[in-house]
Amino acid sequence: MAQNEMPVKDAFVEAFTGAMTKDHNGKVKEFTKRVSYYMQDNGELRYYIPTEHGWADKWDGSPKYHSWYA
Protein backbone atom coordinates (compact mmCIF):
# COMPACT_ATOMS: atom_id res chain seq x y z
CA MET A 1 0.00 0.00 0.00
CA ALA A 2 1.23 3.49 -0.74
CA GLN A 3 0.14 7.10 -1.08
CA ASN A 4 1.38 10.69 -1.18
CA GLU A 5 0.93 12.55 2.12
CA MET A 6 1.23 16.08 3.45
CA PRO A 7 2.48 16.51 7.04
CA VAL A 8 0.26 18.41 9.47
CA LYS A 9 2.11 21.01 11.55
CA ASP A 10 2.39 20.03 15.24
CA ALA A 11 0.43 16.77 14.74
CA PHE A 12 2.72 14.21 16.37
CA VAL A 13 2.25 10.48 16.77
CA GLU A 14 1.65 9.59 20.44
CA ALA A 15 4.33 6.88 20.29
CA PHE A 16 6.90 9.58 19.48
CA THR A 17 5.70 12.01 22.15
CA GLY A 18 5.27 9.25 24.75
CA ALA A 19 6.67 9.01 28.27
CA MET A 20 10.25 9.16 27.08
CA THR A 21 9.82 12.73 25.83
CA LYS A 22 7.60 14.07 28.63
CA ASP A 23 8.59 15.39 32.04
CA HIS A 24 6.88 14.35 35.30
CA ASN A 25 4.15 17.00 34.73
CA GLY A 26 3.25 15.54 31.31
CA LYS A 27 4.76 18.43 29.34
CA VAL A 28 6.78 17.55 26.23
CA LYS A 29 10.42 18.17 27.02
CA GLU A 30 13.17 19.21 24.65
CA PHE A 31 15.54 16.53 23.44
CA THR A 32 18.50 16.44 21.09
CA LYS A 33 19.58 14.21 18.21
CA ARG A 34 22.92 13.98 16.45
CA VAL A 35 22.91 15.41 12.92
CA SER A 36 24.80 13.44 10.26
CA TYR A 37 25.79 14.50 6.76
CA TYR A 38 26.97 13.24 3.40
CA MET A 39 28.30 14.85 0.24
CA GLN A 40 26.15 14.71 -2.90
CA ASP A 41 27.61 14.05 -6.35
CA ASN A 42 27.49 17.79 -7.06
CA GLY A 43 29.68 18.53 -4.01
CA GLU A 44 26.90 19.91 -1.77
CA LEU A 45 26.53 18.67 1.80
CA ARG A 46 23.16 17.16 2.82
CA TYR A 47 22.29 16.99 6.51
CA TYR A 48 19.93 14.42 8.07
CA ILE A 49 18.99 12.84 11.39
CA PRO A 50 19.25 9.02 11.48
CA THR A 51 16.14 7.30 12.89
CA GLU A 52 15.26 3.71 13.76
CA HIS A 53 13.64 3.02 10.35
CA GLY A 54 15.30 5.53 8.05
CA TRP A 55 16.17 9.21 8.41
CA ALA A 56 14.71 12.69 8.81
CA ASP A 57 15.86 15.59 6.67
CA LYS A 58 14.67 19.07 5.73
CA TRP A 59 11.20 19.03 4.21
CA ASP A 60 10.72 20.94 0.94
CA GLY A 61 6.97 21.60 1.47
CA SER A 62 5.69 19.14 -1.15
CA PRO A 63 3.64 15.93 -0.57
CA LYS A 64 5.81 12.92 0.19
CA TYR A 65 5.49 9.30 -0.96
CA HIS A 66 4.74 6.91 1.91
CA SER A 67 4.46 3.12 1.73
CA TRP A 68 3.81 0.30 4.21
CA TYR A 69 3.04 -3.37 4.34
CA ALA A 70 -0.60 -4.40 4.74
PDB file of N, CA and C in Angstrom:
ATOM      1  N   MET A   1       0.842  -1.167   0.000  1.00  0.00           N
ATOM      2  CA  MET A   1       0.000   0.000   0.000  1.00  0.00           C
ATOM      3  C   MET A   1       0.889   1.233   0.000  1.00  0.00           C
ATOM      4  N   ALA A   2       0.439   2.276  -0.647  1.00  0.00           N
ATOM      5  CA  ALA A   2       1.233   3.493  -0.735  1.00  0.00           C
ATOM      6  C   ALA A   2       0.346   4.691  -1.063  1.00  0.00           C
ATOM      7  N   GLN A   3       0.845   5.868  -0.753  1.00  0.00           N
ATOM      8  CA  GLN A   3       0.139   7.105  -1.081  1.00  0.00           C
ATOM      9  C   GLN A   3       1.080   8.287  -0.917  1.00  0.00           C
ATOM     10  N   ASN A   4       0.675   9.441  -1.431  1.00  0.00           N
ATOM     11  CA  ASN A   4       1.381  10.694  -1.177  1.00  0.00           C
ATOM     12  C   ASN A   4       0.695  11.376  -0.006  1.00  0.00           C
ATOM     13  N   GLU A   5       1.486  11.923   0.923  1.00  0.00           N
ATOM     14  CA  GLU A   5       0.928  12.550   2.117  1.00  0.00           C
ATOM     15  C   GLU A   5       1.537  13.918   2.355  1.00  0.00           C
ATOM     16  N   MET A   6       0.753  14.779   3.020  1.00  0.00           N
ATOM     17  CA  MET A   6       1.231  16.084   3.455  1.00  0.00           C
ATOM     18  C   MET A   6       1.293  16.071   4.977  1.00  0.00           C
ATOM     19  N   PRO A   7       2.411  16.427   5.573  1.00  0.00           N
ATOM     20  CA  PRO A   7       2.484  16.511   7.037  1.00  0.00           C
ATOM     21  C   PRO A   7       1.548  17.597   7.565  1.00  0.00           C
ATOM     22  N   VAL A   8       1.092  17.421   8.800  1.00  0.00           N
ATOM     23  CA  VAL A   8       0.258  18.415   9.472  1.00  0.00           C
ATOM     24  C   VAL A   8       1.089  19.016  10.593  1.00  0.00           C
ATOM     25  N   LYS A   9       1.278  20.334  10.563  1.00  0.00           N
ATOM     26  CA  LYS A   9       2.115  21.009  11.548  1.00  0.00           C
ATOM     27  C   LYS A   9       1.648  20.694  12.972  1.00  0.00           C
ATOM     28  N   ASP A  10       2.601  20.321  13.814  1.00  0.00           N
ATOM     29  CA  ASP A  10       2.390  20.033  15.238  1.00  0.00           C
ATOM     30  C   ASP A  10       1.458  18.858  15.512  1.00  0.00           C
ATOM     31  N   ALA A  11       1.226  17.975  14.538  1.00  0.00           N
ATOM     32  CA  ALA A  11       0.428  16.773  14.743  1.00  0.00           C
ATOM     33  C   ALA A  11       1.396  15.600  14.870  1.00  0.00           C
ATOM     34  N   PHE A  12       1.727  15.245  16.117  1.00  0.00           N
ATOM     35  CA  PHE A  12       2.723  14.213  16.368  1.00  0.00           C
ATOM     36  C   PHE A  12       2.065  12.892  16.736  1.00  0.00           C
ATOM     37  N   VAL A  13       2.719  11.811  16.414  1.00  0.00           N
ATOM     38  CA  VAL A  13       2.249  10.476  16.772  1.00  0.00           C
ATOM     39  C   VAL A  13       2.497  10.274  18.265  1.00  0.00           C
ATOM     40  N   GLU A  14       1.522   9.764  18.993  1.00  0.00           N
ATOM     41  CA  GLU A  14       1.652   9.590  20.443  1.00  0.00           C
ATOM     42  C   GLU A  14       2.862   8.731  20.808  1.00  0.00           C
ATOM     43  N   ALA A  15       3.174   7.732  19.999  1.00  0.00           N
ATOM     44  CA  ALA A  15       4.333   6.884  20.291  1.00  0.00           C
ATOM     45  C   ALA A  15       5.614   7.709  20.337  1.00  0.00           C
ATOM     46  N   PHE A  16       5.701   8.742  19.507  1.00  0.00           N
ATOM     47  CA  PHE A  16       6.902   9.575  19.482  1.00  0.00           C
ATOM     48  C   PHE A  16       6.927  10.535  20.654  1.00  0.00           C
ATOM     49  N   THR A  17       5.767  11.061  21.045  1.00  0.00           N
ATOM     50  CA  THR A  17       5.705  12.014  22.147  1.00  0.00           C
ATOM     51  C   THR A  17       5.292  11.313  23.436  1.00  0.00           C
ATOM     52  N   GLY A  18       5.621  10.038  23.576  1.00  0.00           N
ATOM     53  CA  GLY A  18       5.270   9.250  24.750  1.00  0.00           C
ATOM     54  C   GLY A  18       6.063   9.622  25.982  1.00  0.00           C
ATOM     55  N   ALA A  19       6.060   8.739  26.963  1.00  0.00           N
ATOM     56  CA  ALA A  19       6.666   9.009  28.267  1.00  0.00           C
ATOM     57  C   ALA A  19       8.132   9.400  28.166  1.00  0.00           C
ATOM     58  N   MET A  20       8.833   8.873  27.197  1.00  0.00           N
ATOM     59  CA  MET A  20      10.252   9.157  27.083  1.00  0.00           C
ATOM     60  C   MET A  20      10.533  10.633  26.804  1.00  0.00           C
ATOM     61  N   THR A  21       9.602  11.333  26.185  1.00  0.00           N
ATOM     62  CA  THR A  21       9.821  12.731  25.825  1.00  0.00           C
ATOM     63  C   THR A  21       8.994  13.692  26.676  1.00  0.00           C
ATOM     64  N   LYS A  22       8.390  13.206  27.766  1.00  0.00           N
ATOM     65  CA  LYS A  22       7.600  14.072  28.632  1.00  0.00           C
ATOM     66  C   LYS A  22       8.215  14.124  30.026  1.00  0.00           C
ATOM     67  N   ASP A  23       8.089  15.283  30.671  1.00  0.00           N
ATOM     68  CA  ASP A  23       8.588  15.393  32.037  1.00  0.00           C
ATOM     69  C   ASP A  23       7.536  14.849  33.005  1.00  0.00           C
ATOM     70  N   HIS A  24       7.796  14.925  34.308  1.00  0.00           N
ATOM     71  CA  HIS A  24       6.878  14.348  35.300  1.00  0.00           C
ATOM     72  C   HIS A  24       5.527  15.072  35.370  1.00  0.00           C
ATOM     73  N   ASN A  25       5.425  16.269  34.782  1.00  0.00           N
ATOM     74  CA  ASN A  25       4.151  17.001  34.728  1.00  0.00           C
ATOM     75  C   ASN A  25       3.377  16.721  33.447  1.00  0.00           C
ATOM     76  N   GLY A  26       3.924  15.882  32.560  1.00  0.00           N
ATOM     77  CA  GLY A  26       3.253  15.545  31.314  1.00  0.00           C
ATOM     78  C   GLY A  26       3.543  16.493  30.172  1.00  0.00           C
ATOM     79  N   LYS A  27       4.407  17.496  30.400  1.00  0.00           N
ATOM     80  CA  LYS A  27       4.761  18.430  29.337  1.00  0.00           C
ATOM     81  C   LYS A  27       5.847  17.810  28.460  1.00  0.00           C
ATOM     82  N   VAL A  28       5.757  18.054  27.155  1.00  0.00           N
ATOM     83  CA  VAL A  28       6.776  17.550  26.233  1.00  0.00           C
ATOM     84  C   VAL A  28       8.066  18.296  26.504  1.00  0.00           C
ATOM     85  N   LYS A  29       9.145  17.539  26.728  1.00  0.00           N
ATOM     86  CA  LYS A  29      10.424  18.171  27.016  1.00  0.00           C
ATOM     87  C   LYS A  29      11.310  18.178  25.775  1.00  0.00           C
ATOM     88  N   GLU A  30      12.247  19.098  25.767  1.00  0.00           N
ATOM     89  CA  GLU A  30      13.171  19.214  24.648  1.00  0.00           C
ATOM     90  C   GLU A  30      14.170  18.066  24.689  1.00  0.00           C
ATOM     91  N   PHE A  31      14.513  17.552  23.518  1.00  0.00           N
ATOM     92  CA  PHE A  31      15.542  16.529  23.442  1.00  0.00           C
ATOM     93  C   PHE A  31      16.405  16.791  22.221  1.00  0.00           C
ATOM     94  N   THR A  32      17.569  16.184  22.186  1.00  0.00           N
ATOM     95  CA  THR A  32      18.500  16.440  21.092  1.00  0.00           C
ATOM     96  C   THR A  32      18.797  15.159  20.329  1.00  0.00           C
ATOM     97  N   LYS A  33      19.168  15.317  19.079  1.00  0.00           N
ATOM     98  CA  LYS A  33      19.579  14.213  18.210  1.00  0.00           C
ATOM     99  C   LYS A  33      20.831  14.636  17.476  1.00  0.00           C
ATOM    100  N   ARG A  34      21.697  13.692  17.188  1.00  0.00           N
ATOM    101  CA  ARG A  34      22.919  13.975  16.448  1.00  0.00           C
ATOM    102  C   ARG A  34      22.602  14.122  14.953  1.00  0.00           C
ATOM    103  N   VAL A  35      23.102  15.169  14.350  1.00  0.00           N
ATOM    104  CA  VAL A  35      22.908  15.408  12.923  1.00  0.00           C
ATOM    105  C   VAL A  35      24.080  14.801  12.161  1.00  0.00           C
ATOM    106  N   SER A  36      23.775  14.033  11.126  1.00  0.00           N
ATOM    107  CA  SER A  36      24.800  13.440  10.263  1.00  0.00           C
ATOM    108  C   SER A  36      24.779  14.146   8.910  1.00  0.00           C
ATOM    109  N   TYR A  37      25.743  13.861   8.071  1.00  0.00           N
ATOM    110  CA  TYR A  37      25.787  14.503   6.762  1.00  0.00           C
ATOM    111  C   TYR A  37      26.474  13.598   5.757  1.00  0.00           C
ATOM    112  N   TYR A  38      26.268  13.916   4.484  1.00  0.00           N
ATOM    113  CA  TYR A  38      26.973  13.243   3.398  1.00  0.00           C
ATOM    114  C   TYR A  38      27.139  14.235   2.259  1.00  0.00           C
ATOM    115  N   MET A  39      28.071  13.969   1.373  1.00  0.00           N
ATOM    116  CA  MET A  39      28.301  14.852   0.238  1.00  0.00           C
ATOM    117  C   MET A  39      27.619  14.280  -0.999  1.00  0.00           C
ATOM    118  N   GLN A  40      26.822  15.117  -1.671  1.00  0.00           N
ATOM    119  CA  GLN A  40      26.153  14.711  -2.898  1.00  0.00           C
ATOM    120  C   GLN A  40      27.158  14.697  -4.047  1.00  0.00           C
ATOM    121  N   ASP A  41      26.752  14.103  -5.171  1.00  0.00           N
ATOM    122  CA  ASP A  41      27.614  14.047  -6.353  1.00  0.00           C
ATOM    123  C   ASP A  41      28.034  15.429  -6.840  1.00  0.00           C
ATOM    124  N   ASN A  42      27.168  16.438  -6.604  1.00  0.00           N
ATOM    125  CA  ASN A  42      27.487  17.790  -7.058  1.00  0.00           C
ATOM    126  C   ASN A  42      28.361  18.563  -6.059  1.00  0.00           C
ATOM    127  N   GLY A  43      28.791  17.914  -4.987  1.00  0.00           N
ATOM    128  CA  GLY A  43      29.682  18.528  -4.010  1.00  0.00           C
ATOM    129  C   GLY A  43      28.980  19.213  -2.848  1.00  0.00           C
ATOM    130  N   GLU A  44      27.643  19.286  -2.868  1.00  0.00           N
ATOM    131  CA  GLU A  44      26.897  19.913  -1.774  1.00  0.00           C
ATOM    132  C   GLU A  44      26.750  18.942  -0.610  1.00  0.00           C
ATOM    133  N   LEU A  45      26.771  19.483   0.613  1.00  0.00           N
ATOM    134  CA  LEU A  45      26.527  18.669   1.799  1.00  0.00           C
ATOM    135  C   LEU A  45      25.033  18.575   2.056  1.00  0.00           C
ATOM    136  N   ARG A  46      24.554  17.385   2.416  1.00  0.00           N
ATOM    137  CA  ARG A  46      23.164  17.164   2.822  1.00  0.00           C
ATOM    138  C   ARG A  46      23.193  16.717   4.271  1.00  0.00           C
ATOM    139  N   TYR A  47      22.363  17.323   5.099  1.00  0.00           N
ATOM    140  CA  TYR A  47      22.289  16.986   6.513  1.00  0.00           C
ATOM    141  C   TYR A  47      21.019  16.190   6.783  1.00  0.00           C
ATOM    142  N   TYR A  48      21.081  15.243   7.725  1.00  0.00           N
ATOM    143  CA  TYR A  48      19.928  14.423   8.071  1.00  0.00           C
ATOM    144  C   TYR A  48      20.086  13.913   9.497  1.00  0.00           C
ATOM    145  N   ILE A  49      18.988  13.432  10.062  1.00  0.00           N
ATOM    146  CA  ILE A  49      18.993  12.835  11.394  1.00  0.00           C
ATOM    147  C   ILE A  49      18.639  11.360  11.228  1.00  0.00           C
ATOM    148  N   PRO A  50      19.566  10.459  11.577  1.00  0.00           N
ATOM    149  CA  PRO A  50      19.250   9.023  11.482  1.00  0.00           C
ATOM    150  C   PRO A  50      18.134   8.648  12.465  1.00  0.00           C
ATOM    151  N   THR A  51      17.212   7.791  12.035  1.00  0.00           N
ATOM    152  CA  THR A  51      16.140   7.298  12.893  1.00  0.00           C
ATOM    153  C   THR A  51      16.142   5.774  12.851  1.00  0.00           C
ATOM    154  N   GLU A  52      15.301   5.168  13.663  1.00  0.00           N
ATOM    155  CA  GLU A  52      15.258   3.706  13.759  1.00  0.00           C
ATOM    156  C   GLU A  52      14.947   3.036  12.420  1.00  0.00           C
ATOM    157  N   HIS A  53      14.071   3.635  11.615  1.00  0.00           N
ATOM    158  CA  HIS A  53      13.636   3.015  10.354  1.00  0.00           C
ATOM    159  C   HIS A  53      13.936   3.882   9.145  1.00  0.00           C
ATOM    160  N   GLY A  54      14.976   4.683   9.191  1.00  0.00           N
ATOM    161  CA  GLY A  54      15.299   5.533   8.051  1.00  0.00           C
ATOM    162  C   GLY A  54      16.025   6.784   8.494  1.00  0.00           C
ATOM    163  N   TRP A  55      15.538   7.947   8.044  1.00  0.00           N
ATOM    164  CA  TRP A  55      16.169   9.206   8.408  1.00  0.00           C
ATOM    165  C   TRP A  55      15.151  10.339   8.319  1.00  0.00           C
ATOM    166  N   ALA A  56      15.511  11.467   8.900  1.00  0.00           N
ATOM    167  CA  ALA A  56      14.706  12.685   8.808  1.00  0.00           C
ATOM    168  C   ALA A  56      15.596  13.775   8.231  1.00  0.00           C
ATOM    169  N   ASP A  57      15.095  14.481   7.224  1.00  0.00           N
ATOM    170  CA  ASP A  57      15.864  15.587   6.668  1.00  0.00           C
ATOM    171  C   ASP A  57      14.935  16.767   6.420  1.00  0.00           C
ATOM    172  N   LYS A  58      15.454  17.859   5.925  1.00  0.00           N
ATOM    173  CA  LYS A  58      14.673  19.070   5.734  1.00  0.00           C
ATOM    174  C   LYS A  58      13.571  18.834   4.711  1.00  0.00           C
ATOM    175  N   TRP A  59      12.358  19.219   5.065  1.00  0.00           N
ATOM    176  CA  TRP A  59      11.196  19.031   4.206  1.00  0.00           C
ATOM    177  C   TRP A  59      11.087  20.191   3.233  1.00  0.00           C
ATOM    178  N   ASP A  60      10.796  19.898   1.971  1.00  0.00           N
ATOM    179  CA  ASP A  60      10.719  20.945   0.940  1.00  0.00           C
ATOM    180  C   ASP A  60       9.314  21.501   0.749  1.00  0.00           C
ATOM    181  N   GLY A  61       8.330  21.058   1.541  1.00  0.00           N
ATOM    182  CA  GLY A  61       6.971  21.598   1.471  1.00  0.00           C
ATOM    183  C   GLY A  61       6.040  20.877   0.519  1.00  0.00           C
ATOM    184  N   SER A  62       6.527  19.864  -0.198  1.00  0.00           N
ATOM    185  CA  SER A  62       5.686  19.135  -1.150  1.00  0.00           C
ATOM    186  C   SER A  62       5.207  17.815  -0.537  1.00  0.00           C
ATOM    187  N   PRO A  63       4.099  17.238  -1.063  1.00  0.00           N
ATOM    188  CA  PRO A  63       3.638  15.934  -0.571  1.00  0.00           C
ATOM    189  C   PRO A  63       4.746  14.892  -0.726  1.00  0.00           C
ATOM    190  N   LYS A  64       4.778  13.954   0.194  1.00  0.00           N
ATOM    191  CA  LYS A  64       5.814  12.916   0.188  1.00  0.00           C
ATOM    192  C   LYS A  64       5.192  11.531   0.029  1.00  0.00           C
ATOM    193  N   TYR A  65       5.888  10.689  -0.726  1.00  0.00           N
ATOM    194  CA  TYR A  65       5.489   9.304  -0.956  1.00  0.00           C
ATOM    195  C   TYR A  65       5.680   8.522   0.337  1.00  0.00           C
ATOM    196  N   HIS A  66       4.705   7.712   0.688  1.00  0.00           N
ATOM    197  CA  HIS A  66       4.737   6.912   1.909  1.00  0.00           C
ATOM    198  C   HIS A  66       4.224   5.523   1.568  1.00  0.00           C
ATOM    199  N   SER A  67       4.914   4.484   2.005  1.00  0.00           N
ATOM    200  CA  SER A  67       4.460   3.125   1.733  1.00  0.00           C
ATOM    201  C   SER A  67       4.572   2.284   2.996  1.00  0.00           C
ATOM    202  N   TRP A  68       3.794   1.187   3.060  1.00  0.00           N
ATOM    203  CA  TRP A  68       3.807   0.300   4.205  1.00  0.00           C
ATOM    204  C   TRP A  68       3.250  -1.046   3.782  1.00  0.00           C
ATOM    205  N   TYR A  69       3.552  -2.028   4.596  1.00  0.00           N
ATOM    206  CA  TYR A  69       3.038  -3.374   4.340  1.00  0.00           C
ATOM    207  C   TYR A  69       1.660  -3.521   4.948  1.00  0.00           C
ATOM    208  N   ALA A  70       0.768  -4.186   4.240  1.00  0.00           N
ATOM    209  CA  ALA A  70      -0.601  -4.397   4.740  1.00  0.00           C
ATOM    210  C   ALA A  70      -0.643  -5.549   5.708  1.00  0.00           C
TER     211      ALA A  70
END
